[in-house]
Amino acid sequence: MSEKHSEKQLIEIIDKAIKDFSGNSDSLSGAIGYLMIGRKFGWRVMFFMHSQSTVRKYENILGVSSRDVMPETGPMAKKAFAWQALQKVTNYWKAVKGEIAGIKSKEILK
């Protein structure tokens, strides 16, 4: 799957977020990291790595929707433990919501 935005467009999103941001810089740093990792892992994996409230917070800081700036499944998705575990379940959204035990994980495998 191709990436949704060019490097230049991603830098523009980040620069705008930095310009418009006020608050604790940890949140800004987290949002930027979320975007940069998400472009390689995809939004489906990022939804497993972060709570719904964290995803919303990062999207608000960046002024974007994850689905608009990240591929659904990125080229490195298979490195995420959560993505591998998800392949064994039938309901993606139940897994995202934490209704299926053992799926949510921030672990990245080698």
PDB file of N, CA and C in Angstrom:
ATOM      1  N   MET A   1       0.851  -1.176   0.000  1.00  0.00           N
ATOM      2  CA  MET A   1       0.000   0.000   0.000  1.00  0.00           C
ATOM      3  C   MET A   1       0.891   1.231   0.000  1.00  0.00           C
ATOM      4  N   SER A   2       0.560   2.209  -0.801  1.00  0.00           N
ATOM      5  CA  SER A   2       1.362   3.422  -0.854  1.00  0.00           C
ATOM      6  C   SER A   2       1.069   4.312   0.344  1.00  0.00           C
ATOM      7  N   GLU A   3       2.040   5.153   0.649  1.00  0.00           N
ATOM      8  CA  GLU A   3       1.841   6.089   1.752  1.00  0.00           C
ATOM      9  C   GLU A   3       0.860   7.161   1.298  1.00  0.00           C
ATOM     10  N   LYS A   4       0.101   7.695   2.236  1.00  0.00           N
ATOM     11  CA  LYS A   4      -0.951   8.642   1.897  1.00  0.00           C
ATOM     12  C   LYS A   4      -0.435  10.043   1.613  1.00  0.00           C
ATOM     13  N   HIS A   5       0.636  10.459   2.293  1.00  0.00           N
ATOM     14  CA  HIS A   5       1.147  11.802   2.130  1.00  0.00           C
ATOM     15  C   HIS A   5       2.641  11.769   1.828  1.00  0.00           C
ATOM     16  N   SER A   6       3.084  12.784   1.091  1.00  0.00           N
ATOM     17  CA  SER A   6       4.507  12.901   0.807  1.00  0.00           C
ATOM     18  C   SER A   6       5.235  13.379   2.062  1.00  0.00           C
ATOM     19  N   GLU A   7       6.543  13.243   2.040  1.00  0.00           N
ATOM     20  CA  GLU A   7       7.355  13.722   3.163  1.00  0.00           C
ATOM     21  C   GLU A   7       7.117  15.224   3.371  1.00  0.00           C
ATOM     22  N   LYS A   8       7.020  15.969   2.300  1.00  0.00           N
ATOM     23  CA  LYS A   8       6.803  17.420   2.399  1.00  0.00           C
ATOM     24  C   LYS A   8       5.473  17.714   3.090  1.00  0.00           C
ATOM     25  N   GLN A   9       4.427  16.989   2.740  1.00  0.00           N
ATOM     26  CA  GLN A   9       3.117  17.199   3.364  1.00  0.00           C
ATOM     27  C   GLN A   9       3.150  16.848   4.849  1.00  0.00           C
ATOM     28  N   LEU A  10       3.871  15.788   5.211  1.00  0.00           N
ATOM     29  CA  LEU A  10       3.993  15.415   6.622  1.00  0.00           C
ATOM     30  C   LEU A  10       4.719  16.504   7.405  1.00  0.00           C
ATOM     31  N   ILE A  11       5.778  17.059   6.832  1.00  0.00           N
ATOM     32  CA  ILE A  11       6.502  18.154   7.486  1.00  0.00           C
ATOM     33  C   ILE A  11       5.589  19.363   7.659  1.00  0.00           C
ATOM     34  N   GLU A  12       4.756  19.639   6.674  1.00  0.00           N
ATOM     35  CA  GLU A  12       3.809  20.755   6.785  1.00  0.00           C
ATOM     36  C   GLU A  12       2.816  20.529   7.924  1.00  0.00           C
ATOM     37  N   ILE A  13       2.324  19.297   8.067  1.00  0.00           N
ATOM     38  CA  ILE A  13       1.407  18.961   9.168  1.00  0.00           C
ATOM     39  C   ILE A  13       2.108  19.175  10.508  1.00  0.00           C
ATOM     40  N   ILE A  14       3.342  18.691  10.601  1.00  0.00           N
ATOM     41  CA  ILE A  14       4.106  18.829  11.844  1.00  0.00           C
ATOM     42  C   ILE A  14       4.404  20.288  12.146  1.00  0.00           C
ATOM     43  N   ASP A  15       4.860  21.038  11.149  1.00  0.00           N
ATOM     44  CA  ASP A  15       5.173  22.456  11.357  1.00  0.00           C
ATOM     45  C   ASP A  15       3.950  23.243  11.811  1.00  0.00           C
ATOM     46  N   LYS A  16       2.797  22.947  11.232  1.00  0.00           N
ATOM     47  CA  LYS A  16       1.564  23.643  11.628  1.00  0.00           C
ATOM     48  C   LYS A  16       1.186  23.281  13.064  1.00  0.00           C
ATOM     49  N   ALA A  17       1.315  21.997  13.405  1.00  0.00           N
ATOM     50  CA  ALA A  17       1.002  21.559  14.774  1.00  0.00           C
ATOM     51  C   ALA A  17       1.905  22.261  15.784  1.00  0.00           C
ATOM     52  N   ILE A  18       3.193  22.372  15.466  1.00  0.00           N
ATOM     53  CA  ILE A  18       4.131  23.049  16.363  1.00  0.00           C
ATOM     54  C   ILE A  18       3.754  24.516  16.508  1.00  0.00           C
ATOM     55  N   LYS A  19       3.445  25.157  15.386  1.00  0.00           N
ATOM     56  CA  LYS A  19       3.093  26.589  15.394  1.00  0.00           C
ATOM     57  C   LYS A  19       1.839  26.852  16.221  1.00  0.00           C
ATOM     58  N   ASP A  20       0.841  25.991  16.087  1.00  0.00           N
ATOM     59  CA  ASP A  20      -0.453  26.194  16.736  1.00  0.00           C
ATOM     60  C   ASP A  20      -0.513  25.667  18.170  1.00  0.00           C
ATOM     61  N   PHE A  21       0.490  24.904  18.596  1.00  0.00           N
ATOM     62  CA  PHE A  21       0.417  24.203  19.877  1.00  0.00           C
ATOM     63  C   PHE A  21       0.680  25.098  21.075  1.00  0.00           C
ATOM     64  N   SER A  22      -0.090  24.848  22.137  1.00  0.00           N
ATOM     65  CA  SER A  22       0.236  25.387  23.452  1.00  0.00           C
ATOM     66  C   SER A  22      -0.088  24.294  24.460  1.00  0.00           C
ATOM     67  N   GLY A  23       0.739  24.145  25.462  1.00  0.00           N
ATOM     68  CA  GLY A  23       0.547  23.101  26.453  1.00  0.00           C
ATOM     69  C   GLY A  23       1.843  22.374  26.717  1.00  0.00           C
ATOM     70  N   ASN A  24       1.730  21.199  27.308  1.00  0.00           N
ATOM     71  CA  ASN A  24       2.875  20.390  27.671  1.00  0.00           C
ATOM     72  C   ASN A  24       3.525  19.814  26.410  1.00  0.00           C
ATOM     73  N   SER A  25       4.816  20.026  26.255  1.00  0.00           N
ATOM     74  CA  SER A  25       5.503  19.576  25.045  1.00  0.00           C
ATOM     75  C   SER A  25       5.527  18.050  24.906  1.00  0.00           C
ATOM     76  N   ASP A  26       5.308  17.320  26.007  1.00  0.00           N
ATOM     77  CA  ASP A  26       5.241  15.861  25.905  1.00  0.00           C
ATOM     78  C   ASP A  26       4.097  15.428  24.987  1.00  0.00           C
ATOM     79  N   SER A  27       2.985  16.133  25.061  1.00  0.00           N
ATOM     80  CA  SER A  27       1.840  15.801  24.206  1.00  0.00           C
ATOM     81  C   SER A  27       2.161  16.066  22.745  1.00  0.00           C
ATOM     82  N   LEU A  28       2.816  17.185  22.471  1.00  0.00           N
ATOM     83  CA  LEU A  28       3.201  17.515  21.099  1.00  0.00           C
ATOM     84  C   LEU A  28       4.187  16.484  20.562  1.00  0.00           C
ATOM     85  N   SER A  29       5.183  16.140  21.365  1.00  0.00           N
ATOM     86  CA  SER A  29       6.168  15.135  20.949  1.00  0.00           C
ATOM     87  C   SER A  29       5.507  13.785  20.693  1.00  0.00           C
ATOM     88  N   GLY A  30       4.578  13.422  21.566  1.00  0.00           N
ATOM     89  CA  GLY A  30       3.861  12.161  21.387  1.00  0.00           C
ATOM     90  C   GLY A  30       3.058  12.141  20.103  1.00  0.00           C
ATOM     91  N   ALA A  31       2.400  13.256  19.791  1.00  0.00           N
ATOM     92  CA  ALA A  31       1.594  13.336  18.568  1.00  0.00           C
ATOM     93  C   ALA A  31       2.463  13.224  17.322  1.00  0.00           C
ATOM     94  N   ILE A  32       3.607  13.887  17.339  1.00  0.00           N
ATOM     95  CA  ILE A  32       4.519  13.829  16.188  1.00  0.00           C
ATOM     96  C   ILE A  32       5.067  12.414  16.026  1.00  0.00           C
ATOM     97  N   GLY A  33       5.451  11.789  17.122  1.00  0.00           N
ATOM     98  CA  GLY A  33       5.917  10.407  17.056  1.00  0.00           C
ATOM     99  C   GLY A  33       4.844   9.465  16.548  1.00  0.00           C
ATOM    100  N   TYR A  34       3.616   9.678  17.016  1.00  0.00           N
ATOM    101  CA  TYR A  34       2.465   8.883  16.571  1.00  0.00           C
ATOM    102  C   TYR A  34       2.320   8.972  15.047  1.00  0.00           C
ATOM    103  N   LEU A  35       2.415  10.178  14.511  1.00  0.00           N
ATOM    104  CA  LEU A  35       2.284  10.380  13.064  1.00  0.00           C
ATOM    105  C   LEU A  35       3.411   9.692  12.309  1.00  0.00           C
ATOM    106  N   MET A  36       4.628   9.858  12.776  1.00  0.00           N
ATOM    107  CA  MET A  36       5.770   9.310  12.054  1.00  0.00           C
ATOM    108  C   MET A  36       5.799   7.777  12.111  1.00  0.00           C
ATOM    109  N   ILE A  37       5.467   7.213  13.247  1.00  0.00           N
ATOM    110  CA  ILE A  37       5.401   5.750  13.343  1.00  0.00           C
ATOM    111  C   ILE A  37       4.191   5.233  12.557  1.00  0.00           C
ATOM    112  N   GLY A  38       3.068   5.933  12.669  1.00  0.00           N
ATOM    113  CA  GLY A  38       1.848   5.517  11.984  1.00  0.00           C
ATOM    114  C   GLY A  38       1.977   5.462  10.476  1.00  0.00           C
ATOM    115  N   ARG A  39       2.835   6.300   9.923  1.00  0.00           N
ATOM    116  CA  ARG A  39       2.996   6.277   8.458  1.00  0.00           C
ATOM    117  C   ARG A  39       3.648   4.980   7.985  1.00  0.00           C
ATOM    118  N   LYS A  40       4.335   4.284   8.885  1.00  0.00           N
ATOM    119  CA  LYS A  40       4.963   3.009   8.533  1.00  0.00           C
ATOM    120  C   LYS A  40       4.157   1.796   8.998  1.00  0.00           C
ATOM    121  N   PHE A  41       3.395   1.968  10.090  1.00  0.00           N
ATOM    122  CA  PHE A  41       2.616   0.855  10.631  1.00  0.00           C
ATOM    123  C   PHE A  41       1.160   0.875  10.190  1.00  0.00           C
ATOM    124  N   GLY A  42       0.619   2.045   9.912  1.00  0.00           N
ATOM    125  CA  GLY A  42      -0.775   2.163   9.493  1.00  0.00           C
ATOM    126  C   GLY A  42      -1.696   2.460  10.661  1.00  0.00           C
ATOM    127  N   TRP A  43      -2.854   3.050  10.350  1.00  0.00           N
ATOM    128  CA  TRP A  43      -3.771   3.466  11.419  1.00  0.00           C
ATOM    129  C   TRP A  43      -4.361   2.288  12.171  1.00  0.00           C
ATOM    130  N   ARG A  44      -4.561   1.170  11.509  1.00  0.00           N
ATOM    131  CA  ARG A  44      -5.130   0.020  12.220  1.00  0.00           C
ATOM    132  C   ARG A  44      -4.205  -0.430  13.358  1.00  0.00           C
ATOM    133  N   VAL A  45      -2.919  -0.465  13.117  1.00  0.00           N
ATOM    134  CA  VAL A  45      -1.969  -0.856  14.156  1.00  0.00           C
ATOM    135  C   VAL A  45      -1.914   0.218  15.240  1.00  0.00           C
ATOM    136  N   MET A  46      -1.909   1.481  14.847  1.00  0.00           N
ATOM    137  CA  MET A  46      -1.818   2.557  15.835  1.00  0.00           C
ATOM    138  C   MET A  46      -3.020   2.554  16.769  1.00  0.00           C
ATOM    139  N   PHE A  47      -4.172   2.154  16.263  1.00  0.00           N
ATOM    140  CA  PHE A  47      -5.361   2.070  17.112  1.00  0.00           C
ATOM    141  C   PHE A  47      -5.214   0.986  18.175  1.00  0.00           C
ATOM    142  N   PHE A  48      -4.361  -0.006  17.918  1.00  0.00           N
ATOM    143  CA  PHE A  48      -4.074  -1.038  18.918  1.00  0.00           C
ATOM    144  C   PHE A  48      -3.029  -0.574  19.915  1.00  0.00           C
ATOM    145  N   MET A  49      -2.140   0.277  19.473  1.00  0.00           N
ATOM    146  CA  MET A  49      -1.043   0.723  20.328  1.00  0.00           C
ATOM    147  C   MET A  49      -1.444   1.851  21.280  1.00  0.00           C
ATOM    148  N   HIS A  50      -2.535   2.536  20.972  1.00  0.00           N
ATOM    149  CA  HIS A  50      -2.947   3.693  21.769  1.00  0.00           C
ATOM    150  C   HIS A  50      -4.431   3.609  22.090  1.00  0.00           C
ATOM    151  N   SER A  51      -4.797   4.171  23.221  1.00  0.00           N
ATOM    152  CA  SER A  51      -6.214   4.208  23.591  1.00  0.00           C
ATOM    153  C   SER A  51      -6.958   5.163  22.657  1.00  0.00           C
ATOM    154  N   GLN A  52      -8.268   5.016  22.619  1.00  0.00           N
ATOM    155  CA  GLN A  52      -9.090   5.892  21.778  1.00  0.00           C
ATOM    156  C   GLN A  52      -8.915   7.355  22.173  1.00  0.00           C
ATOM    157  N   SER A  53      -8.803   7.620  23.471  1.00  0.00           N
ATOM    158  CA  SER A  53      -8.649   9.012  23.911  1.00  0.00           C
ATOM    159  C   SER A  53      -7.288   9.574  23.493  1.00  0.00           C
ATOM    160  N   THR A  54      -6.254   8.755  23.518  1.00  0.00           N
ATOM    161  CA  THR A  54      -4.932   9.214  23.089  1.00  0.00           C
ATOM    162  C   THR A  54      -4.919   9.482  21.592  1.00  0.00           C
ATOM    163  N   VAL A  55      -5.535   8.606  20.816  1.00  0.00           N
ATOM    164  CA  VAL A  55      -5.618   8.820  19.371  1.00  0.00           C
ATOM    165  C   VAL A  55      -6.333  10.142  19.093  1.00  0.00           C
ATOM    166  N   ARG A  56      -7.462  10.372  19.759  1.00  0.00           N
ATOM    167  CA  ARG A  56      -8.199  11.635  19.561  1.00  0.00           C
ATOM    168  C   ARG A  56      -7.340  12.843  19.938  1.00  0.00           C
ATOM    169  N   LYS A  57      -6.623  12.738  21.055  1.00  0.00           N
ATOM    170  CA  LYS A  57      -5.766  13.837  21.500  1.00  0.00           C
ATOM    171  C   LYS A  57      -4.697  14.131  20.454  1.00  0.00           C
ATOM    172  N   TYR A  58      -4.039  13.111  19.961  1.00  0.00           N
ATOM    173  CA  TYR A  58      -2.988  13.299  18.959  1.00  0.00           C
ATOM    174  C   TYR A  58      -3.562  13.855  17.654  1.00  0.00           C
ATOM    175  N   GLU A  59      -4.703  13.352  17.235  1.00  0.00           N
ATOM    176  CA  GLU A  59      -5.332  13.865  16.023  1.00  0.00           C
ATOM    177  C   GLU A  59      -5.692  15.347  16.189  1.00  0.00           C
ATOM    178  N   ASN A  60      -6.162  15.732  17.356  1.00  0.00           N
ATOM    179  CA  ASN A  60      -6.489  17.139  17.605  1.00  0.00           C
ATOM    180  C   ASN A  60      -5.241  18.016  17.564  1.00  0.00           C
ATOM    181  N   ILE A  61      -4.162  17.551  18.159  1.00  0.00           N
ATOM    182  CA  ILE A  61      -2.912  18.309  18.135  1.00  0.00           C
ATOM    183  C   ILE A  61      -2.413  18.477  16.705  1.00  0.00           C
ATOM    184  N   LEU A  62      -2.484  17.411  15.932  1.00  0.00           N
ATOM    185  CA  LEU A  62      -1.989  17.439  14.553  1.00  0.00           C
ATOM    186  C   LEU A  62      -2.970  18.076  13.571  1.00  0.00           C
ATOM    187  N   GLY A  63      -4.231  18.170  13.962  1.00  0.00           N
ATOM    188  CA  GLY A  63      -5.245  18.732  13.074  1.00  0.00           C
ATOM    189  C   GLY A  63      -5.581  17.830  11.903  1.00  0.00           C
ATOM    190  N   VAL A  64      -5.479  16.519  12.110  1.00  0.00           N
ATOM    191  CA  VAL A  64      -5.734  15.542  11.046  1.00  0.00           C
ATOM    192  C   VAL A  64      -6.487  14.345  11.603  1.00  0.00           C
ATOM    193  N   SER A  65      -7.009  13.538  10.712  1.00  0.00           N
ATOM    194  CA  SER A  65      -7.565  12.240  11.055  1.00  0.00           C
ATOM    195  C   SER A  65      -6.521  11.185  10.680  1.00  0.00           C
ATOM    196  N   SER A  66      -6.307  10.222  11.561  1.00  0.00           N
ATOM    197  CA  SER A  66      -5.335   9.159  11.278  1.00  0.00           C
ATOM    198  C   SER A  66      -5.614   8.491   9.939  1.00  0.00           C
ATOM    199  N   ARG A  67      -6.868   8.265   9.662  1.00  0.00           N
ATOM    200  CA  ARG A  67      -7.246   7.581   8.423  1.00  0.00           C
ATOM    201  C   ARG A  67      -6.916   8.402   7.178  1.00  0.00           C
ATOM    202  N   ASP A  68      -6.818   9.714   7.342  1.00  0.00           N
ATOM    203  CA  ASP A  68      -6.505  10.573   6.199  1.00  0.00           C
ATOM    204  C   ASP A  68      -5.007  10.690   5.925  1.00  0.00           C
ATOM    205  N   VAL A  69      -4.186  10.457   6.946  1.00  0.00           N
ATOM    206  CA  VAL A  69      -2.750  10.680   6.770  1.00  0.00           C
ATOM    207  C   VAL A  69      -1.901   9.416   6.869  1.00  0.00           C
ATOM    208  N   MET A  70      -2.518   8.302   7.244  1.00  0.00           N
ATOM    209  CA  MET A  70      -1.785   7.043   7.371  1.00  0.00           C
ATOM    210  C   MET A  70      -2.432   5.992   6.478  1.00  0.00           C
ATOM    211  N   PRO A  71      -1.629   5.066   5.992  1.00  0.00           N
ATOM    212  CA  PRO A  71      -2.247   3.948   5.275  1.00  0.00           C
ATOM    213  C   PRO A  71      -3.044   3.090   6.256  1.00  0.00           C
ATOM    214  N   GLU A  72      -3.985   2.341   5.753  1.00  0.00           N
ATOM    215  CA  GLU A  72      -4.756   1.447   6.625  1.00  0.00           C
ATOM    216  C   GLU A  72      -3.821   0.447   7.300  1.00  0.00           C
ATOM    217  N   THR A  73      -2.968  -0.159   6.500  1.00  0.00           N
ATOM    218  CA  THR A  73      -1.962  -1.090   6.990  1.00  0.00           C
ATOM    219  C   THR A  73      -0.650  -0.713   6.331  1.00  0.00           C
ATOM    220  N   GLY A  74       0.334  -0.339   7.125  1.00  0.00           N
ATOM    221  CA  GLY A  74       1.613   0.102   6.582  1.00  0.00           C
ATOM    222  C   GLY A  74       2.556  -1.051   6.293  1.00  0.00           C
ATOM    223  N   PRO A  75       3.682  -0.742   5.646  1.00  0.00           N
ATOM    224  CA  PRO A  75       4.644  -1.781   5.264  1.00  0.00           C
ATOM    225  C   PRO A  75       5.319  -2.476   6.449  1.00  0.00           C
ATOM    226  N   MET A  76       5.239  -1.888   7.645  1.00  0.00           N
ATOM    227  CA  MET A  76       5.872  -2.498   8.812  1.00  0.00           C
ATOM    228  C   MET A  76       4.852  -3.045   9.808  1.00  0.00           C
ATOM    229  N   ALA A  77       3.588  -3.131   9.423  1.00  0.00           N
ATOM    230  CA  ALA A  77       2.523  -3.577  10.332  1.00  0.00           C
ATOM    231  C   ALA A  77       2.823  -4.934  10.957  1.00  0.00           C
ATOM    232  N   LYS A  78       3.422  -5.820  10.196  1.00  0.00           N
ATOM    233  CA  LYS A  78       3.670  -7.179  10.693  1.00  0.00           C
ATOM    234  C   LYS A  78       4.658  -7.218  11.850  1.00  0.00           C
ATOM    235  N   LYS A  79       5.393  -6.134  12.066  1.00  0.00           N
ATOM    236  CA  LYS A  79       6.330  -6.076  13.189  1.00  0.00           C
ATOM    237  C   LYS A  79       5.625  -5.814  14.515  1.00  0.00           C
ATOM    238  N   ALA A  80       4.385  -5.398  14.471  1.00  0.00           N
ATOM    239  CA  ALA A  80       3.648  -5.085  15.694  1.00  0.00           C
ATOM    240  C   ALA A  80       3.020  -6.357  16.260  1.00  0.00           C
ATOM    241  N   PHE A  81       3.288  -6.624  17.528  1.00  0.00           N
ATOM    242  CA  PHE A  81       2.700  -7.788  18.187  1.00  0.00           C
ATOM    243  C   PHE A  81       1.181  -7.763  18.072  1.00  0.00           C
ATOM    244  N   ALA A  82       0.597  -6.588  18.275  1.00  0.00           N
ATOM    245  CA  ALA A  82      -0.861  -6.454  18.235  1.00  0.00           C
ATOM    246  C   ALA A  82      -1.411  -6.870  16.869  1.00  0.00           C
ATOM    247  N   TRP A  83      -0.722  -6.516  15.807  1.00  0.00           N
ATOM    248  CA  TRP A  83      -1.199  -6.873  14.462  1.00  0.00           C
ATOM    249  C   TRP A  83      -1.156  -8.385  14.277  1.00  0.00           C
ATOM    250  N   GLN A  84      -0.114  -9.011  14.752  1.00  0.00           N
ATOM    251  CA  GLN A  84      -0.013 -10.464  14.634  1.00  0.00           C
ATOM    252  C   GLN A  84      -1.107 -11.151  15.453  1.00  0.00           C
ATOM    253  N   ALA A  85      -1.361 -10.635  16.651  1.00  0.00           N
ATOM    254  CA  ALA A  85      -2.412 -11.211  17.489  1.00  0.00           C
ATOM    255  C   ALA A  85      -3.784 -11.001  16.859  1.00  0.00           C
ATOM    256  N   LEU A  86      -3.965  -9.863  16.230  1.00  0.00           N
ATOM    257  CA  LEU A  86      -5.256  -9.540  15.600  1.00  0.00           C
ATOM    258  C   LEU A  86      -5.618 -10.527  14.493  1.00  0.00           C
ATOM    259  N   GLN A  87      -4.643 -11.086  13.837  1.00  0.00           N
ATOM    260  CA  GLN A  87      -4.908 -12.007  12.737  1.00  0.00           C
ATOM    261  C   GLN A  87      -5.674 -13.241  13.198  1.00  0.00           C
ATOM    262  N   LYS A  88      -5.737 -13.447  14.523  1.00  0.00           N
ATOM    263  CA  LYS A  88      -6.422 -14.615  15.069  1.00  0.00           C
ATOM    264  C   LYS A  88      -7.837 -14.304  15.547  1.00  0.00           C
ATOM    265  N   VAL A  89      -8.268 -13.035  15.444  1.00  0.00           N
ATOM    266  CA  VAL A  89      -9.621 -12.673  15.886  1.00  0.00           C
ATOM    267  C   VAL A  89     -10.465 -12.270  14.684  1.00  0.00           C
ATOM    268  N   THR A  90     -11.781 -12.267  14.889  1.00  0.00           N
ATOM    269  CA  THR A  90     -12.670 -11.965  13.772  1.00  0.00           C
ATOM    270  C   THR A  90     -13.280 -10.564  13.817  1.00  0.00           C
ATOM    271  N   ASN A  91     -13.225  -9.897  14.969  1.00  0.00           N
ATOM    272  CA  ASN A  91     -13.851  -8.587  15.062  1.00  0.00           C
ATOM    273  C   ASN A  91     -12.816  -7.528  15.443  1.00  0.00           C
ATOM    274  N   TYR A  92     -12.340  -6.790  14.440  1.00  0.00           N
ATOM    275  CA  TYR A  92     -11.314  -5.760  14.623  1.00  0.00           C
ATOM    276  C   TYR A  92     -11.722  -4.728  15.667  1.00  0.00           C
ATOM    277  N   TRP A  93     -12.933  -4.191  15.562  1.00  0.00           N
ATOM    278  CA  TRP A  93     -13.348  -3.096  16.441  1.00  0.00           C
ATOM    279  C   TRP A  93     -13.518  -3.544  17.893  1.00  0.00           C
ATOM    280  N   LYS A  94     -13.949  -4.782  18.118  1.00  0.00           N
ATOM    281  CA  LYS A  94     -13.999  -5.284  19.491  1.00  0.00           C
ATOM    282  C   LYS A  94     -12.586  -5.373  20.065  1.00  0.00           C
ATOM    283  N   ALA A  95     -11.636  -5.775  19.238  1.00  0.00           N
ATOM    284  CA  ALA A  95     -10.251  -5.858  19.689  1.00  0.00           C
ATOM    285  C   ALA A  95      -9.702  -4.468  20.003  1.00  0.00           C
ATOM    286  N   VAL A  96      -9.999  -3.485  19.158  1.00  0.00           N
ATOM    287  CA  VAL A  96      -9.544  -2.108  19.391  1.00  0.00           C
ATOM    288  C   VAL A  96     -10.102  -1.577  20.705  1.00  0.00           C
ATOM    289  N   LYS A  97     -11.358  -1.866  20.982  1.00  0.00           N
ATOM    290  CA  LYS A  97     -12.007  -1.374  22.199  1.00  0.00           C
ATOM    291  C   LYS A  97     -11.532  -2.114  23.447  1.00  0.00           C
ATOM    292  N   GLY A  98     -10.737  -3.159  23.279  1.00  0.00           N
ATOM    293  CA  GLY A  98     -10.235  -3.909  24.423  1.00  0.00           C
ATOM    294  C   GLY A  98     -11.182  -4.984  24.907  1.00  0.00           C
ATOM    295  N   GLU A  99     -12.199  -5.284  24.102  1.00  0.00           N
ATOM    296  CA  GLU A  99     -13.178  -6.296  24.491  1.00  0.00           C
ATOM    297  C   GLU A  99     -12.665  -7.716  24.268  1.00  0.00           C
ATOM    298  N   ILE A 100     -11.530  -7.847  23.605  1.00  0.00           N
ATOM    299  CA  ILE A 100     -10.899  -9.153  23.398  1.00  0.00           C
ATOM    300  C   ILE A 100      -9.538  -9.080  24.088  1.00  0.00           C
ATOM    301  N   ALA A 101      -9.340  -9.900  25.080  1.00  0.00           N
ATOM    302  CA  ALA A 101      -8.120  -9.861  25.894  1.00  0.00           C
ATOM    303  C   ALA A 101      -6.890 -10.267  25.089  1.00  0.00           C
ATOM    304  N   GLY A 102      -5.756  -9.663  25.439  1.00  0.00           N
ATOM    305  CA  GLY A 102      -4.470 -10.081  24.884  1.00  0.00           C
ATOM    306  C   GLY A 102      -4.126  -9.510  23.534  1.00  0.00           C
ATOM    307  N   ILE A 103      -4.889  -8.543  23.040  1.00  0.00           N
ATOM    308  CA  ILE A 103      -4.640  -7.999  21.712  1.00  0.00           C
ATOM    309  C   ILE A 103      -3.914  -6.649  21.785  1.00  0.00           C
ATOM    310  N   LYS A 104      -4.391  -5.745  22.620  1.00  0.00           N
ATOM    311  CA  LYS A 104      -3.800  -4.404  22.694  1.00  0.00           C
ATOM    312  C   LYS A 104      -2.362  -4.515  23.195  1.00  0.00           C
ATOM    313  N   SER A 105      -1.448  -3.954  22.441  1.00  0.00           N
ATOM    314  CA  SER A 105      -0.050  -4.014  22.817  1.00  0.00           C
ATOM    315  C   SER A 105       0.722  -2.939  22.074  1.00  0.00           C
ATOM    316  N   LYS A 106       1.735  -2.393  22.734  1.00  0.00           N
ATOM    317  CA  LYS A 106       2.616  -1.421  22.106  1.00  0.00           C
ATOM    318  C   LYS A 106       3.927  -2.069  21.672  1.00  0.00           C
ATOM    319  N   GLU A 107       4.007  -3.369  21.799  1.00  0.00           N
ATOM    320  CA  GLU A 107       5.242  -4.115  21.518  1.00  0.00           C
ATOM    321  C   GLU A 107       5.506  -4.171  20.018  1.00  0.00           C
ATOM    322  N   ILE A 108       6.764  -3.868  19.658  1.00  0.00           N
ATOM    323  CA  ILE A 108       7.227  -3.997  18.267  1.00  0.00           C
ATOM    324  C   ILE A 108       8.273  -5.100  18.251  1.00  0.00           C
ATOM    325  N   LEU A 109       8.105  -6.033  17.364  1.00  0.00           N
ATOM    326  CA  LEU A 109       8.989  -7.193  17.284  1.00  0.00           C
ATOM    327  C   LEU A 109      10.118  -6.949  16.287  1.00  0.00           C
ATOM    328  N   LYS A 110      11.137  -7.714  16.407  1.00  0.00           N
ATOM    329  CA  LYS A 110      12.290  -7.581  15.512  1.00  0.00           C
ATOM    330  C   LYS A 110      12.008  -8.144  14.152  1.00  0.00           C
TER     331      LYS A 110
END
